[in-house]
């Protein structure tokens, strides 16, 4: 991939220890506040030919990440195979179990996402 943009961000799920929820939030945070209208000119063939590389740092004890949910964050482009970096991110005891929010334990999870956009 010839890279045009790198973004890194992290996000967590403080309730329920959801690795997927934290990964989706981290990816969304990494791309959400970027405006790159010139991508049409930078990538041969424009947005449809844009390649997206996703690397996720996920704590091993956080469980599986739904990669389909992560891919759904990106409205266009070709997503390359997602690289899971384990162990990565962070997990910790939140000290609180809120059953009404789906908590089964007090595990909180932070996932780190590195997004590379290019062609």
Foldseek 3Di string as FASTA:
>chain_A
DPFDDKFKFKAKDQAALAQQVRLQVRLCVRPVPDDDVCQQVQAVVHFQAKEKEKEKAWEPVSDDHPVVSNVVSDPHHHYDDYHYDPNGWDKDFSVDHDVVVPHPGRIMTMMMMMMTIHD
